[in-house]
């Protein structure tokens, strides 16, 4: 069973940046496509971005395109989400997820002045 642990969230002002990390404890991490999803207060889960197992293909939700960058380091079993030009509407709990939609505990991102 994959265990996923997200980190890197926090409070940031609009226009600021954060880098989220996800540590995966599975030997075959490099075989998995991975994704980031988020859940804003009072709303359902929203897909943010995904990346293929080798990192060669990435997709983004329209709401984050051009501001967020997903990446991975298969040698370290790590998934990342670089978030720039953050907006208040990006406030949410961010989760990394595997192809079965298993998620970690999430990391809170709050964008506020």
PDB file of N, CA and C in Angstrom:
ATOM      1  N   UNK A   1       0.839  -1.190   0.000  1.00  0.00           N
ATOM      2  CA  UNK A   1       0.000   0.000   0.000  1.00  0.00           C
ATOM      3  C   UNK A   1       0.879   1.247   0.000  1.00  0.00           C
ATOM      4  N   UNK A   2       0.508   2.190  -0.846  1.00  0.00           N
ATOM      5  CA  UNK A   2       1.262   3.439  -0.951  1.00  0.00           C
ATOM      6  C   UNK A   2       0.919   4.344   0.220  1.00  0.00           C
ATOM      7  N   UNK A   3       1.944   4.899   0.841  1.00  0.00           N
ATOM      8  CA  UNK A   3       1.734   5.941   1.834  1.00  0.00           C
ATOM      9  C   UNK A   3       2.258   7.249   1.274  1.00  0.00           C
ATOM     10  N   UNK A   4       1.431   8.278   1.352  1.00  0.00           N
ATOM     11  CA  UNK A   4       1.766   9.577   0.795  1.00  0.00           C
ATOM     12  C   UNK A   4       1.735  10.616   1.906  1.00  0.00           C
ATOM     13  N   UNK A   5       2.772  11.441   1.970  1.00  0.00           N
ATOM     14  CA  UNK A   5       2.862  12.474   3.000  1.00  0.00           C
ATOM     15  C   UNK A   5       3.162  13.806   2.335  1.00  0.00           C
ATOM     16  N   UNK A   6       2.191  14.720   2.410  1.00  0.00           N
ATOM     17  CA  UNK A   6       2.347  16.046   1.826  1.00  0.00           C
ATOM     18  C   UNK A   6       2.935  17.020   2.838  1.00  0.00           C
ATOM     19  N   UNK A   7       3.657  18.000   2.330  1.00  0.00           N
ATOM     20  CA  UNK A   7       4.213  19.051   3.175  1.00  0.00           C
ATOM     21  C   UNK A   7       4.438  20.298   2.347  1.00  0.00           C
ATOM     22  N   UNK A   8       4.740  21.400   3.045  1.00  0.00           N
ATOM     23  CA  UNK A   8       5.092  22.627   2.345  1.00  0.00           C
ATOM     24  C   UNK A   8       4.030  23.698   2.310  1.00  0.00           C
ATOM     25  N   UNK A   9       2.857  23.397   2.835  1.00  0.00           N
ATOM     26  CA  UNK A   9       1.793  24.396   2.854  1.00  0.00           C
ATOM     27  C   UNK A   9       2.071  25.492   3.863  1.00  0.00           C
ATOM     28  N   UNK A  10       1.193  26.486   3.868  1.00  0.00           N
ATOM     29  CA  UNK A  10       1.339  27.583   4.814  1.00  0.00           C
ATOM     30  C   UNK A  10       0.488  28.762   4.429  1.00  0.00           C
ATOM     31  N   UNK A  11       0.735  29.873   5.106  1.00  0.00           N
ATOM     32  CA  UNK A  11       0.040  31.123   4.846  1.00  0.00           C
ATOM     33  C   UNK A  11       0.930  32.005   3.971  1.00  0.00           C
ATOM     34  N   UNK A  12       0.375  32.488   2.881  1.00  0.00           N
ATOM     35  CA  UNK A  12       1.146  33.311   1.956  1.00  0.00           C
ATOM     36  C   UNK A  12       0.262  34.443   1.452  1.00  0.00           C
ATOM     37  N   UNK A  13       0.865  35.574   1.146  1.00  0.00           N
ATOM     38  CA  UNK A  13       0.117  36.705   0.611  1.00  0.00           C
ATOM     39  C   UNK A  13      -0.191  36.495  -0.860  1.00  0.00           C
ATOM     40  N   UNK A  14      -1.252  37.106  -1.345  1.00  0.00           N
ATOM     41  CA  UNK A  14      -1.541  37.026  -2.784  1.00  0.00           C
ATOM     42  C   UNK A  14      -0.325  37.453  -3.602  1.00  0.00           C
ATOM     43  N   UNK A  15      -0.065  36.694  -4.651  1.00  0.00           N
ATOM     44  CA  UNK A  15       1.114  36.938  -5.474  1.00  0.00           C
ATOM     45  C   UNK A  15       2.337  36.167  -5.037  1.00  0.00           C
ATOM     46  N   UNK A  16       2.264  35.545  -3.879  1.00  0.00           N
ATOM     47  CA  UNK A  16       3.393  34.798  -3.352  1.00  0.00           C
ATOM     48  C   UNK A  16       3.525  33.408  -3.952  1.00  0.00           C
ATOM     49  N   UNK A  17       4.505  32.673  -3.446  1.00  0.00           N
ATOM     50  CA  UNK A  17       4.809  31.342  -3.959  1.00  0.00           C
ATOM     51  C   UNK A  17       4.960  30.344  -2.819  1.00  0.00           C
ATOM     52  N   UNK A  18       4.657  29.103  -3.126  1.00  0.00           N
ATOM     53  CA  UNK A  18       4.904  27.984  -2.238  1.00  0.00           C
ATOM     54  C   UNK A  18       5.303  26.786  -3.071  1.00  0.00           C
ATOM     55  N   UNK A  19       6.064  25.893  -2.471  1.00  0.00           N
ATOM     56  CA  UNK A  19       6.412  24.631  -3.113  1.00  0.00           C
ATOM     57  C   UNK A  19       5.942  23.494  -2.227  1.00  0.00           C
ATOM     58  N   UNK A  20       5.003  22.727  -2.734  1.00  0.00           N
ATOM     59  CA  UNK A  20       4.506  21.572  -2.013  1.00  0.00           C
ATOM     60  C   UNK A  20       5.316  20.342  -2.379  1.00  0.00           C
ATOM     61  N   UNK A  21       5.478  19.460  -1.400  1.00  0.00           N
ATOM     62  CA  UNK A  21       6.186  18.210  -1.620  1.00  0.00           C
ATOM     63  C   UNK A  21       5.306  17.046  -1.184  1.00  0.00           C
ATOM     64  N   UNK A  22       5.511  15.921  -1.807  1.00  0.00           N
ATOM     65  CA  UNK A  22       4.794  14.700  -1.462  1.00  0.00           C
ATOM     66  C   UNK A  22       5.804  13.557  -1.460  1.00  0.00           C
ATOM     67  N   UNK A  23       5.966  12.948  -0.307  1.00  0.00           N
ATOM     68  CA  UNK A  23       6.869  11.810  -0.176  1.00  0.00           C
ATOM     69  C   UNK A  23       6.055  10.525  -0.275  1.00  0.00           C
ATOM     70  N   UNK A  24       6.485   9.651  -1.159  1.00  0.00           N
ATOM     71  CA  UNK A  24       5.769   8.390  -1.383  1.00  0.00           C
ATOM     72  C   UNK A  24       6.614   7.226  -0.889  1.00  0.00           C
ATOM     73  N   UNK A  25       6.009   6.379  -0.092  1.00  0.00           N
ATOM     74  CA  UNK A  25       6.746   5.230   0.437  1.00  0.00           C
ATOM     75  C   UNK A  25       6.317   3.970  -0.311  1.00  0.00           C
ATOM     76  N   UNK A  26       6.727   3.906  -1.546  1.00  0.00           N
ATOM     77  CA  UNK A  26       6.436   2.727  -2.353  1.00  0.00           C
ATOM     78  C   UNK A  26       7.598   2.498  -3.295  1.00  0.00           C
ATOM     79  N   UNK A  27       8.010   1.242  -3.396  1.00  0.00           N
ATOM     80  CA  UNK A  27       9.194   0.936  -4.198  1.00  0.00           C
ATOM     81  C   UNK A  27       8.998   1.277  -5.659  1.00  0.00           C
ATOM     82  N   UNK A  28       7.762   1.125  -6.140  1.00  0.00           N
ATOM     83  CA  UNK A  28       7.500   1.292  -7.568  1.00  0.00           C
ATOM     84  C   UNK A  28       6.924   2.663  -7.896  1.00  0.00           C
ATOM     85  N   UNK A  29       7.284   3.685  -7.114  1.00  0.00           N
ATOM     86  CA  UNK A  29       6.772   5.037  -7.362  1.00  0.00           C
ATOM     87  C   UNK A  29       6.982   5.449  -8.804  1.00  0.00           C
ATOM     88  N   UNK A  30       8.113   5.092  -9.360  1.00  0.00           N
ATOM     89  CA  UNK A  30       8.442   5.520 -10.722  1.00  0.00           C
ATOM     90  C   UNK A  30       7.518   4.906 -11.771  1.00  0.00           C
ATOM     91  N   UNK A  31       6.697   3.963 -11.385  1.00  0.00           N
ATOM     92  CA  UNK A  31       5.751   3.335 -12.313  1.00  0.00           C
ATOM     93  C   UNK A  31       4.382   4.004 -12.306  1.00  0.00           C
ATOM     94  N   UNK A  32       4.166   4.918 -11.363  1.00  0.00           N
ATOM     95  CA  UNK A  32       2.846   5.501 -11.179  1.00  0.00           C
ATOM     96  C   UNK A  32       2.728   6.887 -11.815  1.00  0.00           C
ATOM     97  N   UNK A  33       1.647   7.102 -12.552  1.00  0.00           N
ATOM     98  CA  UNK A  33       1.239   8.474 -12.814  1.00  0.00           C
ATOM     99  C   UNK A  33       0.751   9.044 -11.482  1.00  0.00           C
ATOM    100  N   UNK A  34       0.998  10.316 -11.248  1.00  0.00           N
ATOM    101  CA  UNK A  34       0.615  10.935  -9.980  1.00  0.00           C
ATOM    102  C   UNK A  34      -0.118  12.241 -10.243  1.00  0.00           C
ATOM    103  N   UNK A  35      -0.840  12.705  -9.239  1.00  0.00           N
ATOM    104  CA  UNK A  35      -1.597  13.941  -9.399  1.00  0.00           C
ATOM    105  C   UNK A  35      -1.685  14.722  -8.104  1.00  0.00           C
ATOM    106  N   UNK A  36      -2.022  15.965  -8.244  1.00  0.00           N
ATOM    107  CA  UNK A  36      -2.370  16.836  -7.126  1.00  0.00           C
ATOM    108  C   UNK A  36      -3.855  17.189  -7.261  1.00  0.00           C
ATOM    109  N   UNK A  37      -4.533  17.145  -6.126  1.00  0.00           N
ATOM    110  CA  UNK A  37      -5.922  17.590  -6.056  1.00  0.00           C
ATOM    111  C   UNK A  37      -6.034  18.527  -4.864  1.00  0.00           C
ATOM    112  N   UNK A  38      -7.107  19.281  -4.811  1.00  0.00           N
ATOM    113  CA  UNK A  38      -7.289  20.193  -3.686  1.00  0.00           C
ATOM    114  C   UNK A  38      -8.756  20.265  -3.292  1.00  0.00           C
ATOM    115  N   UNK A  39      -8.978  20.678  -2.062  1.00  0.00           N
ATOM    116  CA  UNK A  39     -10.329  20.839  -1.565  1.00  0.00           C
ATOM    117  C   UNK A  39     -10.423  22.154  -0.806  1.00  0.00           C
ATOM    118  N   UNK A  40     -11.168  23.077  -1.383  1.00  0.00           N
ATOM    119  CA  UNK A  40     -11.389  24.367  -0.744  1.00  0.00           C
ATOM    120  C   UNK A  40     -12.484  24.226   0.316  1.00  0.00           C
ATOM    121  N   UNK A  41     -12.511  25.142   1.263  1.00  0.00           N
ATOM    122  CA  UNK A  41     -13.520  25.061   2.329  1.00  0.00           C
ATOM    123  C   UNK A  41     -14.933  24.988   1.759  1.00  0.00           C
ATOM    124  N   UNK A  42     -15.676  23.975   2.175  1.00  0.00           N
ATOM    125  CA  UNK A  42     -17.060  23.837   1.765  1.00  0.00           C
ATOM    126  C   UNK A  42     -17.275  23.344   0.343  1.00  0.00           C
ATOM    127  N   UNK A  43     -16.196  22.927  -0.322  1.00  0.00           N
ATOM    128  CA  UNK A  43     -16.306  22.479  -1.716  1.00  0.00           C
ATOM    129  C   UNK A  43     -15.776  21.062  -1.865  1.00  0.00           C
ATOM    130  N   UNK A  44     -16.037  20.473  -3.017  1.00  0.00           N
ATOM    131  CA  UNK A  44     -15.567  19.135  -3.289  1.00  0.00           C
ATOM    132  C   UNK A  44     -14.124  19.117  -3.767  1.00  0.00           C
ATOM    133  N   UNK A  45     -13.625  17.912  -4.011  1.00  0.00           N
ATOM    134  CA  UNK A  45     -12.269  17.765  -4.500  1.00  0.00           C
ATOM    135  C   UNK A  45     -12.156  18.301  -5.921  1.00  0.00           C
ATOM    136  N   UNK A  46     -11.070  18.987  -6.190  1.00  0.00           N
ATOM    137  CA  UNK A  46     -10.799  19.544  -7.507  1.00  0.00           C
ATOM    138  C   UNK A  46      -9.444  19.044  -8.002  1.00  0.00           C
ATOM    139  N   UNK A  47      -9.438  18.482  -9.186  1.00  0.00           N
ATOM    140  CA  UNK A  47      -8.172  18.071  -9.791  1.00  0.00           C
ATOM    141  C   UNK A  47      -7.366  19.318 -10.153  1.00  0.00           C
ATOM    142  N   UNK A  48      -6.066  19.300  -9.838  1.00  0.00           N
ATOM    143  CA  UNK A  48      -5.188  20.436 -10.097  1.00  0.00           C
ATOM    144  C   UNK A  48      -4.212  20.151 -11.239  1.00  0.00           C
ATOM    145  N   UNK A  49      -3.539  18.985 -11.147  1.00  0.00           N
ATOM    146  CA  UNK A  49      -2.498  18.696 -12.115  1.00  0.00           C
ATOM    147  C   UNK A  49      -2.139  17.230 -12.036  1.00  0.00           C
ATOM    148  N   UNK A  50      -1.616  16.682 -13.129  1.00  0.00           N
ATOM    149  CA  UNK A  50      -1.081  15.329 -13.073  1.00  0.00           C
ATOM    150  C   UNK A  50       0.153  15.209 -13.944  1.00  0.00           C
ATOM    151  N   UNK A  51       0.900  14.142 -13.712  1.00  0.00           N
ATOM    152  CA  UNK A  51       2.174  13.925 -14.397  1.00  0.00           C
ATOM    153  C   UNK A  51       2.339  12.440 -14.635  1.00  0.00           C
ATOM    154  N   UNK A  52       2.864  12.093 -15.800  1.00  0.00           N
ATOM    155  CA  UNK A  52       3.080  10.692 -16.110  1.00  0.00           C
ATOM    156  C   UNK A  52       4.239  10.118 -15.302  1.00  0.00           C
ATOM    157  N   UNK A  53       4.358   8.800 -15.324  1.00  0.00           N
ATOM    158  CA  UNK A  53       5.328   8.120 -14.462  1.00  0.00           C
ATOM    159  C   UNK A  53       6.756   8.601 -14.696  1.00  0.00           C
ATOM    160  N   UNK A  54       7.095   8.862 -15.964  1.00  0.00           N
ATOM    161  CA  UNK A  54       8.438   9.313 -16.282  1.00  0.00           C
ATOM    162  C   UNK A  54       8.607  10.822 -16.254  1.00  0.00           C
ATOM    163  N   UNK A  55       7.515  11.522 -16.040  1.00  0.00           N
ATOM    164  CA  UNK A  55       7.570  12.978 -15.955  1.00  0.00           C
ATOM    165  C   UNK A  55       7.502  13.695 -17.281  1.00  0.00           C
ATOM    166  N   UNK A  56       7.286  12.950 -18.358  1.00  0.00           N
ATOM    167  CA  UNK A  56       7.354  13.582 -19.665  1.00  0.00           C
ATOM    168  C   UNK A  56       6.090  14.294 -20.113  1.00  0.00           C
ATOM    169  N   UNK A  57       4.977  14.037 -19.452  1.00  0.00           N
ATOM    170  CA  UNK A  57       3.719  14.663 -19.861  1.00  0.00           C
ATOM    171  C   UNK A  57       3.002  15.176 -18.624  1.00  0.00           C
ATOM    172  N   UNK A  58       2.571  16.419 -18.692  1.00  0.00           N
ATOM    173  CA  UNK A  58       1.940  17.065 -17.553  1.00  0.00           C
ATOM    174  C   UNK A  58       0.683  17.780 -18.014  1.00  0.00           C
ATOM    175  N   UNK A  59      -0.299  17.801 -17.160  1.00  0.00           N
ATOM    176  CA  UNK A  59      -1.541  18.508 -17.460  1.00  0.00           C
ATOM    177  C   UNK A  59      -1.917  19.383 -16.264  1.00  0.00           C
ATOM    178  N   UNK A  60      -2.659  20.448 -16.575  1.00  0.00           N
ATOM    179  CA  UNK A  60      -3.041  21.388 -15.527  1.00  0.00           C
ATOM    180  C   UNK A  60      -4.491  21.807 -15.697  1.00  0.00           C
ATOM    181  N   UNK A  61      -5.147  22.045 -14.574  1.00  0.00           N
ATOM    182  CA  UNK A  61      -6.467  22.661 -14.631  1.00  0.00           C
ATOM    183  C   UNK A  61      -6.324  24.080 -15.167  1.00  0.00           C
ATOM    184  N   UNK A  62      -7.335  24.548 -15.864  1.00  0.00           N
ATOM    185  CA  UNK A  62      -7.283  25.898 -16.430  1.00  0.00           C
ATOM    186  C   UNK A  62      -7.046  26.940 -15.348  1.00  0.00           C
ATOM    187  N   UNK A  63      -7.564  26.692 -14.165  1.00  0.00           N
ATOM    188  CA  UNK A  63      -7.469  27.669 -13.083  1.00  0.00           C
ATOM    189  C   UNK A  63      -6.041  27.875 -12.580  1.00  0.00           C
ATOM    190  N   UNK A  64      -5.144  26.934 -12.871  1.00  0.00           N
ATOM    191  CA  UNK A  64      -3.767  27.050 -12.370  1.00  0.00           C
ATOM    192  C   UNK A  64      -2.738  27.082 -13.490  1.00  0.00           C
ATOM    193  N   UNK A  65      -3.170  26.901 -14.717  1.00  0.00           N
ATOM    194  CA  UNK A  65      -2.248  26.830 -15.843  1.00  0.00           C
ATOM    195  C   UNK A  65      -1.430  28.120 -15.955  1.00  0.00           C
ATOM    196  N   UNK A  66      -0.136  27.957 -16.114  1.00  0.00           N
ATOM    197  CA  UNK A  66       0.748  29.107 -16.219  1.00  0.00           C
ATOM    198  C   UNK A  66       1.256  29.610 -14.882  1.00  0.00           C
ATOM    199  N   UNK A  67       0.668  29.114 -13.797  1.00  0.00           N
ATOM    200  CA  UNK A  67       1.097  29.544 -12.456  1.00  0.00           C
ATOM    201  C   UNK A  67       1.701  28.386 -11.653  1.00  0.00           C
ATOM    202  N   UNK A  68       1.206  27.180 -11.857  1.00  0.00           N
ATOM    203  CA  UNK A  68       1.670  26.007 -11.111  1.00  0.00           C
ATOM    204  C   UNK A  68       2.507  25.115 -12.021  1.00  0.00           C
ATOM    205  N   UNK A  69       3.479  24.427 -11.428  1.00  0.00           N
ATOM    206  CA  UNK A  69       4.303  23.472 -12.157  1.00  0.00           C
ATOM    207  C   UNK A  69       4.439  22.199 -11.334  1.00  0.00           C
ATOM    208  N   UNK A  70       4.040  21.086 -11.935  1.00  0.00           N
ATOM    209  CA  UNK A  70       4.181  19.789 -11.286  1.00  0.00           C
ATOM    210  C   UNK A  70       5.491  19.157 -11.743  1.00  0.00           C
ATOM    211  N   UNK A  71       6.143  18.456 -10.831  1.00  0.00           N
ATOM    212  CA  UNK A  71       7.375  17.762 -11.182  1.00  0.00           C
ATOM    213  C   UNK A  71       7.550  16.573 -10.234  1.00  0.00           C
ATOM    214  N   UNK A  72       8.510  15.750 -10.554  1.00  0.00           N
ATOM    215  CA  UNK A  72       8.777  14.586  -9.721  1.00  0.00           C
ATOM    216  C   UNK A  72      10.245  14.220  -9.773  1.00  0.00           C
ATOM    217  N   UNK A  73      10.698  13.542  -8.736  1.00  0.00           N
ATOM    218  CA  UNK A  73      12.051  13.005  -8.676  1.00  0.00           C
ATOM    219  C   UNK A  73      11.905  11.529  -8.320  1.00  0.00           C
ATOM    220  N   UNK A  74      11.956  10.687  -9.308  1.00  0.00           N
ATOM    221  CA  UNK A  74      11.720   9.260  -9.070  1.00  0.00           C
ATOM    222  C   UNK A  74      12.834   8.618  -8.239  1.00  0.00           C
ATOM    223  N   UNK A  75      14.017   9.158  -8.295  1.00  0.00           N
ATOM    224  CA  UNK A  75      15.122   8.613  -7.498  1.00  0.00           C
ATOM    225  C   UNK A  75      14.880   8.835  -6.000  1.00  0.00           C
ATOM    226  N   UNK A  76      14.096   9.859  -5.684  1.00  0.00           N
ATOM    227  CA  UNK A  76      13.800  10.179  -4.294  1.00  0.00           C
ATOM    228  C   UNK A  76      12.364   9.852  -3.890  1.00  0.00           C
ATOM    229  N   UNK A  77      11.602   9.301  -4.820  1.00  0.00           N
ATOM    230  CA  UNK A  77      10.176   9.022  -4.548  1.00  0.00           C
ATOM    231  C   UNK A  77       9.425  10.274  -4.103  1.00  0.00           C
ATOM    232  N   UNK A  78       9.649  11.358  -4.816  1.00  0.00           N
ATOM    233  CA  UNK A  78       9.063  12.642  -4.446  1.00  0.00           C
ATOM    234  C   UNK A  78       8.267  13.238  -5.590  1.00  0.00           C
ATOM    235  N   UNK A  79       7.159  13.867  -5.234  1.00  0.00           N
ATOM    236  CA  UNK A  79       6.317  14.629  -6.155  1.00  0.00           C
ATOM    237  C   UNK A  79       6.264  16.055  -5.637  1.00  0.00           C
ATOM    238  N   UNK A  80       6.262  17.021  -6.559  1.00  0.00           N
ATOM    239  CA  UNK A  80       6.290  18.429  -6.167  1.00  0.00           C
ATOM    240  C   UNK A  80       5.208  19.223  -6.891  1.00  0.00           C
ATOM    241  N   UNK A  81       4.847  20.344  -6.287  1.00  0.00           N
ATOM    242  CA  UNK A  81       3.972  21.301  -6.953  1.00  0.00           C
ATOM    243  C   UNK A  81       4.484  22.697  -6.616  1.00  0.00           C
ATOM    244  N   UNK A  82       5.088  23.342  -7.591  1.00  0.00           N
ATOM    245  CA  UNK A  82       5.533  24.720  -7.446  1.00  0.00           C
ATOM    246  C   UNK A  82       4.363  25.635  -7.775  1.00  0.00           C
ATOM    247  N   UNK A  83       4.002  26.474  -6.833  1.00  0.00           N
ATOM    248  CA  UNK A  83       2.838  27.350  -7.003  1.00  0.00           C
ATOM    249  C   UNK A  83       3.290  28.800  -6.947  1.00  0.00           C
ATOM    250  N   UNK A  84       3.111  29.504  -8.036  1.00  0.00           N
ATOM    251  CA  UNK A  84       3.489  30.915  -8.124  1.00  0.00           C
ATOM    252  C   UNK A  84       2.245  31.776  -8.345  1.00  0.00           C
ATOM    253  N   UNK A  85       2.396  33.062  -8.132  1.00  0.00           N
ATOM    254  CA  UNK A  85       1.300  34.024  -8.348  1.00  0.00           C
ATOM    255  C   UNK A  85       0.016  33.543  -7.677  1.00  0.00           C
ATOM    256  N   UNK A  86       0.134  33.161  -6.439  1.00  0.00           N
ATOM    257  CA  UNK A  86      -1.008  32.587  -5.723  1.00  0.00           C
ATOM    258  C   UNK A  86      -2.117  33.599  -5.531  1.00  0.00           C
ATOM    259  N   UNK A  87      -3.345  33.099  -5.585  1.00  0.00           N
ATOM    260  CA  UNK A  87      -4.545  33.906  -5.443  1.00  0.00           C
ATOM    261  C   UNK A  87      -5.360  33.414  -4.252  1.00  0.00           C
ATOM    262  N   UNK A  88      -6.188  34.254  -3.692  1.00  0.00           N
ATOM    263  CA  UNK A  88      -7.030  33.802  -2.559  1.00  0.00           C
ATOM    264  C   UNK A  88      -7.858  32.566  -2.899  1.00  0.00           C
ATOM    265  N   UNK A  89      -8.267  32.450  -4.149  1.00  0.00           N
ATOM    266  CA  UNK A  89      -9.069  31.286  -4.541  1.00  0.00           C
ATOM    267  C   UNK A  89      -8.272  29.997  -4.614  1.00  0.00           C
ATOM    268  N   UNK A  90      -6.945  30.084  -4.444  1.00  0.00           N
ATOM    269  CA  UNK A  90      -6.127  28.870  -4.349  1.00  0.00           C
ATOM    270  C   UNK A  90      -6.124  28.292  -2.937  1.00  0.00           C
ATOM    271  N   UNK A  91      -6.745  28.986  -1.995  1.00  0.00           N
ATOM    272  CA  UNK A  91      -6.814  28.496  -0.625  1.00  0.00           C
ATOM    273  C   UNK A  91      -7.545  27.164  -0.581  1.00  0.00           C
ATOM    274  N   UNK A  92      -6.879  26.156  -0.024  1.00  0.00           N
ATOM    275  CA  UNK A  92      -7.436  24.803  -0.002  1.00  0.00           C
ATOM    276  C   UNK A  92      -6.476  23.883   0.738  1.00  0.00           C
ATOM    277  N   UNK A  93      -6.955  22.681   1.010  1.00  0.00           N
ATOM    278  CA  UNK A  93      -6.067  21.601   1.435  1.00  0.00           C
ATOM    279  C   UNK A  93      -5.626  20.880   0.165  1.00  0.00           C
ATOM    280  N   UNK A  94      -4.339  20.727   0.005  1.00  0.00           N
ATOM    281  CA  UNK A  94      -3.769  20.112  -1.191  1.00  0.00           C
ATOM    282  C   UNK A  94      -3.322  18.691  -0.862  1.00  0.00           C
ATOM    283  N   UNK A  95      -3.683  17.778  -1.754  1.00  0.00           N
ATOM    284  CA  UNK A  95      -3.343  16.369  -1.591  1.00  0.00           C
ATOM    285  C   UNK A  95      -2.615  15.867  -2.833  1.00  0.00           C
ATOM    286  N   UNK A  96      -1.625  15.007  -2.630  1.00  0.00           N
ATOM    287  CA  UNK A  96      -1.122  14.235  -3.749  1.00  0.00           C
ATOM    288  C   UNK A  96      -1.879  12.913  -3.746  1.00  0.00           C
ATOM    289  N   UNK A  97      -2.027  12.330  -4.927  1.00  0.00           N
ATOM    290  CA  UNK A  97      -2.806  11.103  -5.050  1.00  0.00           C
ATOM    291  C   UNK A  97      -2.193  10.208  -6.107  1.00  0.00           C
ATOM    292  N   UNK A  98      -2.378   8.909  -5.887  1.00  0.00           N
ATOM    293  CA  UNK A  98      -1.892   7.931  -6.858  1.00  0.00           C
ATOM    294  C   UNK A  98      -3.044   7.533  -7.781  1.00  0.00           C
ATOM    295  N   UNK A  99      -2.811   6.634  -8.715  1.00  0.00           N
ATOM    296  CA  UNK A  99      -3.860   6.285  -9.684  1.00  0.00           C
ATOM    297  C   UNK A  99      -5.115   5.671  -9.060  1.00  0.00           C
ATOM    298  N   UNK A 100      -5.002   5.160  -7.832  1.00  0.00           N
ATOM    299  CA  UNK A 100      -6.190   4.603  -7.161  1.00  0.00           C
ATOM    300  C   UNK A 100      -6.919   5.677  -6.347  1.00  0.00           C
ATOM    301  N   UNK A 101      -6.438   6.903  -6.437  1.00  0.00           N
ATOM    302  CA  UNK A 101      -6.981   8.042  -5.683  1.00  0.00           C
ATOM    303  C   UNK A 101      -6.694   7.964  -4.184  1.00  0.00           C
ATOM    304  N   UNK A 102      -5.741   7.131  -3.793  1.00  0.00           N
ATOM    305  CA  UNK A 102      -5.272   7.167  -2.410  1.00  0.00           C
ATOM    306  C   UNK A 102      -4.533   8.474  -2.182  1.00  0.00           C
ATOM    307  N   UNK A 103      -4.818   9.101  -1.054  1.00  0.00           N
ATOM    308  CA  UNK A 103      -4.230  10.398  -0.760  1.00  0.00           C
ATOM    309  C   UNK A 103      -3.567  10.390   0.611  1.00  0.00           C
ATOM    310  N   UNK A 104      -2.717  11.373   0.820  1.00  0.00           N
ATOM    311  CA  UNK A 104      -2.149  11.567   2.145  1.00  0.00           C
ATOM    312  C   UNK A 104      -3.085  12.379   3.010  1.00  0.00           C
ATOM    313  N   UNK A 105      -2.523  12.969   4.063  1.00  0.00           N
ATOM    314  CA  UNK A 105      -3.339  13.751   4.995  1.00  0.00           C
ATOM    315  C   UNK A 105      -3.570  15.175   4.495  1.00  0.00           C
ATOM    316  N   UNK A 106      -2.814  15.562   3.505  1.00  0.00           N
ATOM    317  CA  UNK A 106      -2.980  16.884   2.921  1.00  0.00           C
ATOM    318  C   UNK A 106      -2.151  17.949   3.617  1.00  0.00           C
ATOM    319  N   UNK A 107      -1.977  19.073   2.925  1.00  0.00           N
ATOM    320  CA  UNK A 107      -1.282  20.217   3.489  1.00  0.00           C
ATOM    321  C   UNK A 107      -2.093  21.469   3.180  1.00  0.00           C
ATOM    322  N   UNK A 108      -2.278  22.305   4.188  1.00  0.00           N
ATOM    323  CA  UNK A 108      -3.135  23.475   4.056  1.00  0.00           C
ATOM    324  C   UNK A 108      -2.382  24.623   3.399  1.00  0.00           C
ATOM    325  N   UNK A 109      -2.994  25.201   2.390  1.00  0.00           N
ATOM    326  CA  UNK A 109      -2.475  26.408   1.741  1.00  0.00           C
ATOM    327  C   UNK A 109      -3.511  27.512   1.933  1.00  0.00           C
ATOM    328  N   UNK A 110      -3.078  28.602   2.518  1.00  0.00           N
ATOM    329  CA  UNK A 110      -3.961  29.744   2.733  1.00  0.00           C
ATOM    330  C   UNK A 110      -3.340  30.969   2.094  1.00  0.00           C
ATOM    331  N   UNK A 111      -4.079  31.580   1.179  1.00  0.00           N
ATOM    332  CA  UNK A 111      -3.605  32.769   0.486  1.00  0.00           C
ATOM    333  C   UNK A 111      -4.456  33.946   0.955  1.00  0.00           C
ATOM    334  N   UNK A 112      -3.832  34.828   1.699  1.00  0.00           N
ATOM    335  CA  UNK A 112      -4.572  35.931   2.293  1.00  0.00           C
ATOM    336  C   UNK A 112      -3.619  37.056   2.665  1.00  0.00           C
ATOM    337  N   UNK A 113      -4.128  38.270   2.565  1.00  0.00           N
ATOM    338  CA  UNK A 113      -3.338  39.422   2.994  1.00  0.00           C
ATOM    339  C   UNK A 113      -3.651  39.778   4.449  1.00  0.00           C
TER     340      UNK A 113
END
